[in-house]
Amino acid sequence: MRTYDYNSDNGYSQYIENENENENENNVTPVNSEDMQGSRAQRRAAGKRHHAGRIVSSLIAVGAAVCVGFGAGSYVASSANTQTAAAADSTAATTASSATQTSASASQSSSDSNVVKLAASSSDSSSDMSVTDVAKSAMSSVVSITNVIKYQQNGYSMFGSGDTGEAEEAASGSGVIIYQDDDEIWIVTNHHVVEDAESLSVQFVDGTSADASLKGEDSDADIALLSVKKSDLSSDTLSAISVATFGDSDAVEVGNQVVAIGNALGYGQSVTTGIISAKDRDLESSDGSTMTGLLQTDAAINPGNSGGGLFNMQGQLIGINVAKYSSTDVEGMGYSIPASKVIEVVNELAGRTSRQIYSESERGYLGIQMVSIDASTASTYNMPEGVYIYSVVSGGAADKAGLQSGDIITSFDGTSVSDADELKDIIKYYKSGETVTVTVERAGDNGYESKDIQVTLGDEASATQTTTQSSNTSSTNSWYSLFR
């Protein structure tokens, strides 16, 4: 059975296929997005601006869902006004908790290059704690994340006059502290929580906040790694927080009790509990990609919980909450990325340099016009997925480096790139003048060949702002003219 629902988290309508093993032998839950115009940031911002704080019962909740609008014609989520009070309540609850968890599971070892590792797990159920004790133990490692998104506002105000200009949306998500050293702490969250960000801040269990930098992200795995400088935190905050201990998600059994902690609806930290309903679940996203091997739980995972932690009854982190699936016909289906996958990705990202978001006048520019090659288009035209360059600005960074029209960008500075919006989202963390490796697929006599090209990014004055066209927007005619 298929239901048509509005996804307030992503700002566009979706068809959601109910899970039915008789109809879907591969156990994949497909979600197909309706064609919408505008960039990803505009779609998300539009949905959030008009549905801030609204909870709809039937959606895939994959993102920071509670948003506060800034600018003419915006609506403010009244729920955001309670965040400070909720954070205070959360703080009071957590001050009684033990902050003695160590980073033993996330310590550096001379014999092991992995920064983050599993803790020793006990199969003895007598070591299980109560939900209250798990909350007290783990809550100090969970944080709230605020992502400010800028977008171009085009429309009408409540008075009917034209209302244009740049506006901002502040979206809330969650994260978990998984590592610390002498200089910084690391926080793992979902990629979709931090995408499109113009600024990122983290609120800790004691209610204090600090700016965060992006250390790395993997959009395919929907995992991002943030860092916060310890020098930006007070001694009281450093004493209040703790580092989560990873548990063995592979050892989890169906029926095991679990606890989910996160910033639900932007109210501040909250706790829900349930069981592991299934393992190795797959979810198909709107772009045709599939997240595999997820843990399914009936613990309530609401908008804003994305990036929060799923803990076993020993207080160990066994998953990062990523999505919920519900409709009038479905209840209690939430999903988490298992700890084993999180550890794998985090260790791949660990060696990267933490990066801040640069202003438009400071950030680097490629000097190209581009269009996304999604899975469907790639299959139709027998070409790689990625970002197709259909125009190179004369004298720009790409032109000087040797990038050509027809090249398909698949990686930027070691980060895989699947669409044009994602590339734009990555570039804003790079300053003009930096030299990066851009990997492209270039058509030749024997098909496409991968090439690594060194590009020194230009500044705003030397390159036209990268523009994006999408095959499902009003530029469809331009799109097809490229390939027919």
Protein backbone atom coordinates (compact mmCIF):
# COMPACT_ATOMS: atom_id res chain seq x y z
CA MET A 1 0.00 0.00 0.00
CA ARG A 2 1.35 3.45 -0.91
CA THR A 3 0.49 6.64 0.95
CA TYR A 4 1.20 10.22 -0.14
CA ASP A 5 2.71 12.25 2.66
CA TYR A 6 4.42 15.57 3.25
CA ASN A 7 7.90 15.35 4.73
CA SER A 8 8.33 18.46 6.88
CA ASP A 9 11.92 17.50 7.54
CA ASN A 10 13.15 17.72 3.96
CA GLY A 11 10.58 20.16 2.63
CA TYR A 12 9.17 18.08 -0.20
CA SER A 13 6.41 15.56 -0.74
CA GLN A 14 7.17 11.88 -0.77
CA TYR A 15 5.50 8.66 -1.69
CA ILE A 16 6.17 6.21 1.10
CA GLU A 17 5.89 2.50 0.47
CA ASN A 18 4.68 0.59 3.49
CA GLU A 19 6.87 -2.31 4.46
CA ASN A 20 5.41 -5.60 3.33
CA GLU A 21 7.66 -8.60 3.08
CA ASN A 22 5.23 -10.36 0.74
CA GLU A 23 5.48 -7.49 -1.72
CA ASN A 24 9.13 -6.73 -1.06
CA GLU A 25 11.18 -9.87 -0.78
CA ASN A 26 14.46 -7.97 -0.48
CA ASN A 27 13.21 -6.17 2.64
CA VAL A 28 13.89 -2.73 1.19
CA THR A 29 11.66 0.20 2.12
CA PRO A 30 11.55 2.52 -0.93
CA VAL A 31 10.93 6.26 -0.66
CA ASN A 32 10.46 8.16 -3.91
CA SER A 33 10.45 11.96 -3.89
CA GLU A 34 8.06 13.98 -6.01
CA ASP A 35 9.73 16.33 -8.51
CA MET A 36 10.21 19.79 -7.00
CA GLN A 37 11.91 22.94 -8.24
CA GLY A 38 14.81 24.69 -6.55
CA SER A 39 18.02 23.70 -4.83
CA ARG A 40 18.12 21.23 -1.96
CA ALA A 41 18.64 24.08 0.50
CA GLN A 42 15.61 25.93 -0.89
CA ARG A 43 13.41 22.82 -0.71
CA ARG A 44 14.42 22.06 2.85
CA ALA A 45 14.14 25.65 3.97
CA ALA A 46 10.76 26.09 2.33
CA GLY A 47 9.34 23.06 4.06
CA LYS A 48 10.82 24.04 7.40
CA ARG A 49 9.74 27.65 7.15
CA HIS A 50 6.10 26.76 6.74
CA HIS A 51 5.98 23.72 8.99
CA ALA A 52 8.40 24.68 11.76
CA GLY A 53 7.55 22.74 14.89
CA ARG A 54 4.78 20.80 13.16
CA ILE A 55 4.78 17.07 13.67
CA VAL A 56 3.10 15.03 10.98
CA SER A 57 2.29 11.44 11.74
CA SER A 58 3.34 10.02 8.42
CA LEU A 59 6.86 10.77 7.28
CA ILE A 60 10.39 9.55 7.02
CA ALA A 61 12.12 11.73 9.61
CA VAL A 62 15.68 11.99 8.39
CA GLY A 63 16.95 15.29 9.59
CA ALA A 64 16.96 18.25 11.85
CA ALA A 65 13.28 18.98 11.99
CA VAL A 66 12.59 21.88 14.31
CA CYS A 67 13.48 25.15 12.65
CA VAL A 68 13.28 28.79 13.54
CA GLY A 69 12.94 31.22 10.65
CA PHE A 70 14.74 34.54 10.41
CA GLY A 71 13.64 37.12 7.83
CA ALA A 72 10.47 38.53 6.36
CA GLY A 73 7.61 36.14 5.90
CA SER A 74 9.15 33.45 8.13
CA TYR A 75 7.30 31.52 10.77
CA VAL A 76 8.89 30.82 14.15
CA ALA A 77 8.48 27.47 15.83
CA SER A 78 6.93 28.08 19.21
CA SER A 79 8.47 24.83 20.41
CA ALA A 80 11.91 26.41 20.14
CA ASN A 81 10.99 28.78 22.96
CA THR A 82 10.95 25.87 25.37
CA GLN A 83 14.41 24.63 24.46
CA THR A 84 16.24 26.57 27.16
CA ALA A 85 13.88 25.40 29.87
CA ALA A 86 14.07 21.84 28.61
CA ALA A 87 17.85 22.01 28.55
CA ALA A 88 17.79 23.20 32.14
CA ASP A 89 15.57 20.29 33.15
CA SER A 90 17.90 17.95 31.29
CA THR A 91 20.89 19.47 33.06
CA ALA A 92 19.31 18.99 36.45
CA ALA A 93 18.64 15.37 35.65
CA THR A 94 22.16 14.80 34.44
CA THR A 95 24.06 16.49 37.25
CA ALA A 96 23.26 13.45 39.34
CA SER A 97 24.75 11.20 36.69
CA SER A 98 28.18 9.74 36.78
CA ALA A 99 30.61 11.54 34.52
CA THR A 100 33.25 8.91 35.06
CA GLN A 101 32.96 7.27 31.66
CA THR A 102 36.35 7.33 30.07
CA SER A 103 37.43 7.39 26.48
CA ALA A 104 38.96 3.95 26.76
CA SER A 105 36.93 2.83 23.77
CA ALA A 106 38.14 5.85 21.84
CA SER A 107 41.76 6.13 22.85
CA GLN A 108 44.79 6.25 20.59
CA SER A 109 46.90 3.13 20.53
CA SER A 110 50.38 2.78 19.15
CA SER A 111 49.56 -0.75 18.07
CA ASP A 112 46.25 0.15 16.43
CA SER A 113 45.78 3.01 13.97
CA ASN A 114 42.05 3.17 14.70
CA VAL A 115 41.15 6.08 16.95
CA VAL A 116 37.72 4.72 17.89
CA LYS A 117 37.30 1.14 19.06
CA LEU A 118 34.74 -1.16 20.63
CA ALA A 119 34.58 -1.60 24.37
CA ALA A 120 34.52 -5.02 25.92
CA SER A 121 30.90 -6.14 26.12
CA SER A 122 29.29 -8.43 28.62
CA SER A 123 26.66 -10.96 27.65
CA ASP A 124 25.63 -11.30 31.28
CA SER A 125 22.16 -9.77 31.61
CA SER A 126 22.79 -9.24 35.31
CA SER A 127 25.02 -6.32 34.31
CA ASP A 128 22.08 -4.56 32.63
CA MET A 129 21.02 -1.25 34.09
CA SER A 130 17.60 0.28 34.41
CA VAL A 131 16.44 2.85 31.85
CA THR A 132 16.95 5.53 34.48
CA ASP A 133 20.55 4.46 35.08
CA VAL A 134 21.28 4.26 31.35
CA ALA A 135 19.93 7.78 30.93
CA LYS A 136 22.05 9.07 33.80
CA SER A 137 25.13 7.34 32.45
CA ALA A 138 24.76 8.26 28.76
CA MET A 139 23.00 11.61 28.64
CA SER A 140 26.15 13.59 29.37
CA SER A 141 27.63 12.30 26.09
CA VAL A 142 24.67 13.44 23.96
CA VAL A 143 24.54 16.97 22.50
CA SER A 144 22.12 19.18 20.60
CA ILE A 145 23.27 20.55 17.24
CA THR A 146 22.03 23.76 15.60
CA ASN A 147 22.54 24.15 11.87
CA VAL A 148 21.84 27.59 10.35
CA ILE A 149 20.88 27.38 6.67
CA LYS A 150 20.82 30.34 4.28
CA TYR A 151 18.53 30.36 1.28
CA GLN A 152 17.14 32.76 -1.30
CA GLN A 153 13.56 33.64 -0.41
CA ASN A 154 11.17 34.23 -3.28
CA GLY A 155 7.48 34.59 -2.62
CA TYR A 156 4.91 36.76 -0.96
CA SER A 157 4.53 38.10 2.54
CA MET A 158 1.32 37.90 4.57
CA PHE A 159 0.40 41.31 3.13
CA GLY A 160 0.54 40.06 -0.44
CA SER A 161 3.53 42.08 -1.62
CA GLY A 162 6.59 40.53 -3.21
CA ASP A 163 8.93 39.17 -0.55
CA THR A 164 12.42 38.36 -1.77
CA GLY A 165 15.91 38.30 -0.38
CA GLU A 166 18.19 36.06 1.65
CA ALA A 167 16.78 34.41 4.76
CA GLU A 168 17.99 31.93 7.35
CA GLU A 169 16.62 28.83 9.02
CA ALA A 170 17.95 27.32 12.23
CA ALA A 171 17.46 23.54 12.37
CA SER A 172 18.01 21.26 15.35
CA GLY A 173 19.56 17.80 15.47
CA SER A 174 21.55 15.61 17.83
CA GLY A 175 25.03 14.18 18.19
CA VAL A 176 27.15 11.99 20.47
CA ILE A 177 30.60 12.70 21.92
CA ILE A 178 32.82 9.76 20.97
CA TYR A 179 36.41 10.95 21.47
CA GLN A 180 38.54 13.57 23.17
CA ASP A 181 42.20 14.48 23.35
CA ASP A 182 44.09 17.40 24.83
CA ASP A 183 42.83 19.86 22.21
CA GLU A 184 39.35 18.92 21.06
CA ILE A 185 36.37 16.65 21.39
CA TRP A 186 34.75 14.77 18.50
CA ILE A 187 31.03 14.45 17.96
CA VAL A 188 29.40 12.03 15.55
CA THR A 189 26.07 12.88 13.93
CA ASN A 190 24.22 12.37 10.66
CA HIS A 191 25.40 14.00 7.45
CA HIS A 192 21.88 15.27 6.81
CA VAL A 193 21.91 17.11 10.15
CA VAL A 194 24.83 19.32 9.08
CA GLU A 195 24.31 19.58 5.31
CA ASP A 196 23.71 23.04 3.81
CA ALA A 197 25.05 24.64 7.01
CA GLU A 198 26.28 28.22 7.10
CA SER A 199 27.19 27.81 10.77
CA LEU A 200 27.19 24.95 13.28
CA SER A 201 26.91 25.11 17.06
CA VAL A 202 26.69 22.43 19.74
CA GLN A 203 24.85 22.62 23.06
CA PHE A 204 26.13 20.38 25.83
CA VAL A 205 24.34 18.76 28.73
CA ASP A 206 24.96 21.74 31.03
CA GLY A 207 23.22 24.10 28.59
CA THR A 208 26.35 25.85 27.33
CA SER A 209 27.08 26.14 23.60
CA ALA A 210 30.16 26.32 21.39
CA ASP A 211 30.89 26.62 17.67
CA ALA A 212 31.70 23.37 15.90
CA SER A 213 33.90 22.60 12.90
CA LEU A 214 33.39 19.84 10.35
CA LYS A 215 36.12 17.22 10.46
CA GLY A 216 34.68 14.99 7.77
CA GLU A 217 31.48 13.55 6.34
CA ASP A 218 30.28 10.56 4.37
CA SER A 219 26.98 11.29 2.67
CA ASP A 220 26.51 7.70 1.51
CA ALA A 221 26.73 6.41 5.08
CA ASP A 222 24.90 9.54 6.37
CA ILE A 223 27.61 10.15 8.96
CA ALA A 224 29.43 13.37 9.81
CA LEU A 225 32.19 14.03 12.32
CA LEU A 226 32.36 17.40 14.11
CA SER A 227 35.01 18.81 16.42
CA VAL A 228 34.86 21.41 19.18
CA LYS A 229 37.95 23.06 20.64
CA LYS A 230 38.38 22.39 24.34
CA SER A 231 39.70 25.92 24.72
CA ASP A 232 36.18 27.13 23.89
CA LEU A 233 34.69 25.20 26.82
CA SER A 234 34.72 26.06 30.51
CA SER A 235 36.13 23.70 33.10
CA ASP A 236 32.59 23.15 34.40
CA THR A 237 31.40 22.03 30.96
CA LEU A 238 34.40 19.73 30.54
CA SER A 239 33.55 18.16 33.89
CA ALA A 240 29.88 17.75 32.98
CA ILE A 241 30.34 15.98 29.64
CA SER A 242 31.53 12.44 29.00
CA VAL A 243 32.68 10.30 26.09
CA ALA A 244 30.31 7.54 25.00
CA THR A 245 31.55 3.98 25.07
CA PHE A 246 30.84 1.99 21.91
CA GLY A 247 29.11 -1.36 22.34
CA ASP A 248 29.11 -4.28 19.92
CA SER A 249 26.16 -3.74 17.59
CA ASP A 250 26.85 -7.05 15.87
CA ALA A 251 26.14 -8.87 19.13
CA VAL A 252 22.75 -7.21 19.59
CA GLU A 253 19.83 -9.61 19.42
CA VAL A 254 16.25 -9.02 18.35
CA GLY A 255 14.25 -8.35 21.49
CA ASN A 256 17.08 -6.65 23.40
CA GLN A 257 15.94 -3.53 25.23
CA VAL A 258 17.45 -0.22 24.08
CA VAL A 259 17.32 3.46 25.01
CA ALA A 260 17.26 6.36 22.51
CA ILE A 261 18.50 9.79 23.63
CA GLY A 262 18.38 12.94 21.52
CA ASN A 263 17.14 16.48 20.95
CA ALA A 264 13.59 15.56 19.94
CA LEU A 265 11.72 18.49 18.34
CA GLY A 266 14.44 20.85 19.52
CA TYR A 267 13.06 20.78 23.07
CA GLY A 268 16.36 19.54 24.50
CA GLN A 269 17.45 16.05 25.48
CA SER A 270 14.77 13.43 25.98
CA VAL A 271 14.75 9.69 26.53
CA THR A 272 12.64 6.97 24.95
CA THR A 273 12.93 3.21 25.24
CA GLY A 274 11.98 0.13 23.27
CA ILE A 275 13.51 -3.02 21.83
CA ILE A 276 15.51 -4.07 18.81
CA SER A 277 12.76 -5.06 16.39
CA ALA A 278 14.99 -6.30 13.57
CA LYS A 279 18.55 -6.21 12.27
CA ASP A 280 20.07 -5.67 8.83
CA ARG A 281 17.20 -3.55 7.55
CA ASP A 282 17.62 -1.63 4.25
CA LEU A 283 16.06 1.73 3.38
CA GLU A 284 15.90 3.14 -0.13
CA SER A 285 16.18 6.92 -0.32
CA SER A 286 14.55 9.34 -2.74
CA ASP A 287 17.61 9.42 -5.02
CA GLY A 288 17.65 5.67 -5.42
CA SER A 289 20.52 5.01 -3.00
CA THR A 290 20.05 2.45 -0.25
CA MET A 291 21.19 2.49 3.37
CA THR A 292 21.91 -1.07 4.38
CA GLY A 293 22.34 -3.03 7.57
CA LEU A 294 20.32 -0.72 9.83
CA LEU A 295 19.01 -1.59 13.26
CA GLN A 296 15.23 -1.30 13.56
CA THR A 297 13.72 -0.27 16.88
CA ASP A 298 10.31 0.65 18.25
CA ALA A 299 11.87 3.24 20.58
CA ALA A 300 10.34 6.58 19.57
CA ILE A 301 12.71 8.46 17.23
CA ASN A 302 11.26 11.86 16.40
CA PRO A 303 12.39 14.80 14.25
CA GLY A 304 15.46 16.31 15.89
CA ASN A 305 16.59 12.89 17.19
CA SER A 306 18.67 12.36 14.06
CA GLY A 307 22.31 11.94 15.06
CA GLY A 308 21.41 10.97 18.61
CA GLY A 309 22.40 7.77 20.32
CA LEU A 310 20.84 4.34 20.64
CA PHE A 311 22.21 2.70 23.79
CA ASN A 312 22.10 -0.84 25.12
CA MET A 313 21.24 -1.57 28.74
CA GLN A 314 24.89 -1.39 29.72
CA GLY A 315 24.93 2.25 28.69
CA GLN A 316 27.00 1.56 25.57
CA LEU A 317 26.43 3.27 22.23
CA ILE A 318 25.24 0.70 19.70
CA GLY A 319 23.78 2.99 17.03
CA ILE A 320 23.29 6.50 15.68
CA ASN A 321 19.62 7.25 15.08
CA VAL A 322 18.96 8.16 11.46
CA ALA A 323 15.30 7.76 10.44
CA LYS A 324 11.76 6.89 11.38
CA TYR A 325 9.08 5.38 9.22
CA SER A 326 5.45 5.87 10.05
CA SER A 327 2.08 6.52 8.51
CA THR A 328 -1.51 5.95 9.48
CA ASP A 329 -0.83 2.27 8.83
CA VAL A 330 2.59 1.99 10.50
CA GLU A 331 3.78 2.65 14.04
CA GLY A 332 7.04 2.22 15.93
CA MET A 333 9.56 1.83 13.15
CA GLY A 334 12.76 3.74 13.79
CA TYR A 335 16.20 3.07 12.36
CA SER A 336 19.76 3.45 13.58
CA ILE A 337 23.15 3.10 11.91
CA PRO A 338 24.92 0.29 13.80
CA ALA A 339 27.99 1.17 15.86
CA SER A 340 30.19 -1.12 13.77
CA LYS A 341 29.48 0.99 10.67
CA VAL A 342 29.88 4.26 12.60
CA ILE A 343 33.29 3.20 13.90
CA GLU A 344 34.43 2.20 10.41
CA VAL A 345 33.46 5.56 8.91
CA VAL A 346 34.75 7.65 11.82
CA ASN A 347 38.16 6.03 11.62
CA GLU A 348 38.28 6.85 7.91
CA LEU A 349 37.44 10.49 8.69
CA ALA A 350 39.71 10.78 11.72
CA GLY A 351 42.80 11.85 9.78
CA ARG A 352 41.13 14.82 8.14
CA THR A 353 41.62 18.43 9.18
CA SER A 354 38.75 20.10 11.01
CA ARG A 355 37.28 22.82 8.82
CA GLN A 356 35.22 25.92 9.44
CA ILE A 357 32.64 27.40 7.09
CA TYR A 358 34.01 30.39 5.17
CA SER A 359 32.00 33.42 4.16
CA GLU A 360 31.14 33.82 0.48
CA SER A 361 33.86 36.43 0.09
CA GLU A 362 36.49 34.09 1.57
CA ARG A 363 35.50 30.67 0.29
CA GLY A 364 36.97 29.06 -2.80
CA TYR A 365 35.32 28.79 -6.19
CA LEU A 366 35.76 26.24 -8.97
CA GLY A 367 34.32 28.41 -11.71
CA ILE A 368 32.04 25.87 -13.38
CA GLN A 369 28.42 25.31 -14.24
CA MET A 370 27.24 21.87 -13.35
CA VAL A 371 24.35 19.44 -13.27
CA SER A 372 23.75 16.36 -11.13
CA ILE A 373 23.97 12.89 -12.65
CA ASP A 374 21.73 10.71 -10.50
CA ALA A 375 21.40 6.94 -10.70
CA SER A 376 18.52 7.06 -13.17
CA THR A 377 20.29 9.46 -15.52
CA ALA A 378 23.55 7.52 -15.27
CA SER A 379 21.75 4.34 -16.25
CA THR A 380 19.88 6.00 -19.13
CA TYR A 381 22.96 7.58 -20.69
CA ASN A 382 25.50 4.94 -19.63
CA MET A 383 27.67 7.37 -17.68
CA PRO A 384 29.03 7.60 -14.13
CA GLU A 385 27.07 9.18 -11.29
CA GLY A 386 28.41 12.48 -10.01
CA VAL A 387 28.53 16.14 -11.03
CA TYR A 388 28.60 16.83 -14.77
CA ILE A 389 30.52 19.94 -15.86
CA TYR A 390 28.66 21.48 -18.77
CA SER A 391 30.48 24.80 -18.76
CA VAL A 392 33.88 26.01 -17.52
CA VAL A 393 34.31 29.72 -16.75
CA SER A 394 37.16 31.10 -18.84
CA GLY A 395 40.11 32.01 -16.63
CA GLY A 396 38.55 30.42 -13.54
CA ALA A 397 40.12 27.86 -11.23
CA ALA A 398 38.76 24.86 -13.13
CA ASP A 399 39.88 26.28 -16.47
CA LYS A 400 43.41 26.89 -15.22
CA ALA A 401 43.63 23.38 -13.76
CA GLY A 402 42.52 21.65 -16.93
CA LEU A 403 38.99 20.58 -16.03
CA GLN A 404 36.86 20.26 -19.15
CA SER A 405 33.23 20.44 -20.16
CA GLY A 406 31.92 16.88 -20.07
CA ASP A 407 34.03 15.84 -17.07
CA ILE A 408 32.07 14.22 -14.24
CA ILE A 409 33.31 15.10 -10.75
CA THR A 410 33.11 12.10 -8.39
CA SER A 411 35.35 13.25 -5.52
CA PHE A 412 36.55 16.53 -4.02
CA ASP A 413 39.61 16.44 -1.76
CA GLY A 414 38.97 12.79 -0.95
CA THR A 415 35.25 13.22 -0.21
CA SER A 416 32.91 11.41 -2.58
CA VAL A 417 30.47 13.63 -4.45
CA SER A 418 27.12 12.40 -5.72
CA ASP A 419 25.30 15.60 -6.72
CA ALA A 420 25.84 19.30 -7.41
CA ASP A 421 24.26 20.50 -4.16
CA GLU A 422 26.60 18.26 -2.22
CA LEU A 423 29.64 19.67 -4.04
CA LYS A 424 28.55 23.22 -3.23
CA ASP A 425 28.06 22.17 0.38
CA ILE A 426 31.63 20.82 0.56
CA ILE A 427 33.35 23.76 -1.13
CA LYS A 428 32.20 26.29 1.46
CA TYR A 429 34.60 24.66 3.93
CA TYR A 430 37.55 25.57 1.66
CA LYS A 431 39.24 28.95 1.38
CA SER A 432 40.23 30.55 -1.89
CA GLY A 433 43.86 29.79 -2.71
CA GLU A 434 43.75 26.24 -1.31
CA THR A 435 44.87 23.47 -3.64
CA VAL A 436 42.74 20.34 -3.65
CA THR A 437 42.51 17.10 -5.61
CA VAL A 438 39.42 16.85 -7.78
CA THR A 439 38.68 13.39 -9.16
CA VAL A 440 36.77 13.27 -12.44
CA GLU A 441 35.60 10.67 -14.90
CA ARG A 442 36.55 11.77 -18.43
CA ALA A 443 35.09 10.22 -21.57
CA GLY A 444 37.54 8.65 -23.99
CA ASP A 445 37.66 6.20 -26.84
CA ASN A 446 37.40 3.28 -24.43
CA GLY A 447 34.79 4.74 -22.11
CA TYR A 448 35.29 6.84 -19.01
CA GLU A 449 38.70 7.13 -17.36
CA SER A 450 39.33 8.37 -13.82
CA LYS A 451 41.71 11.34 -13.44
CA ASP A 452 42.98 13.20 -10.37
CA ILE A 453 43.44 16.91 -11.09
CA GLN A 454 45.02 19.46 -8.77
CA VAL A 455 42.90 22.61 -8.59
CA THR A 456 43.81 25.84 -6.81
CA LEU A 457 40.48 27.35 -5.82
CA GLY A 458 39.74 30.87 -7.02
CA ASP A 459 38.05 33.70 -5.16
CA GLU A 460 34.65 35.29 -5.65
CA ALA A 461 36.02 37.99 -7.91
CA SER A 462 37.79 35.62 -10.27
CA ALA A 463 35.01 33.10 -10.82
CA THR A 464 31.29 33.10 -11.40
CA GLN A 465 29.34 31.56 -8.53
CA THR A 466 28.81 27.89 -9.29
CA THR A 467 25.25 27.35 -10.48
CA THR A 468 23.23 24.19 -10.25
CA GLN A 469 20.66 22.74 -12.56
CA SER A 470 18.71 19.62 -11.76
CA SER A 471 17.05 17.20 -14.11
CA ASN A 472 13.80 17.52 -12.17
CA THR A 473 13.57 21.33 -12.29
CA SER A 474 12.38 23.85 -14.84
CA SER A 475 15.72 23.44 -16.64
CA THR A 476 14.71 20.02 -17.92
CA ASN A 477 14.98 21.12 -21.56
CA SER A 478 18.55 22.33 -21.00
CA TRP A 479 19.34 19.02 -19.33
CA TYR A 480 18.18 16.85 -22.19
CA SER A 481 19.93 19.01 -24.77
CA LEU A 482 23.22 17.99 -23.19
CA PHE A 483 22.78 14.31 -23.98
CA ARG A 484 20.42 13.79 -26.86
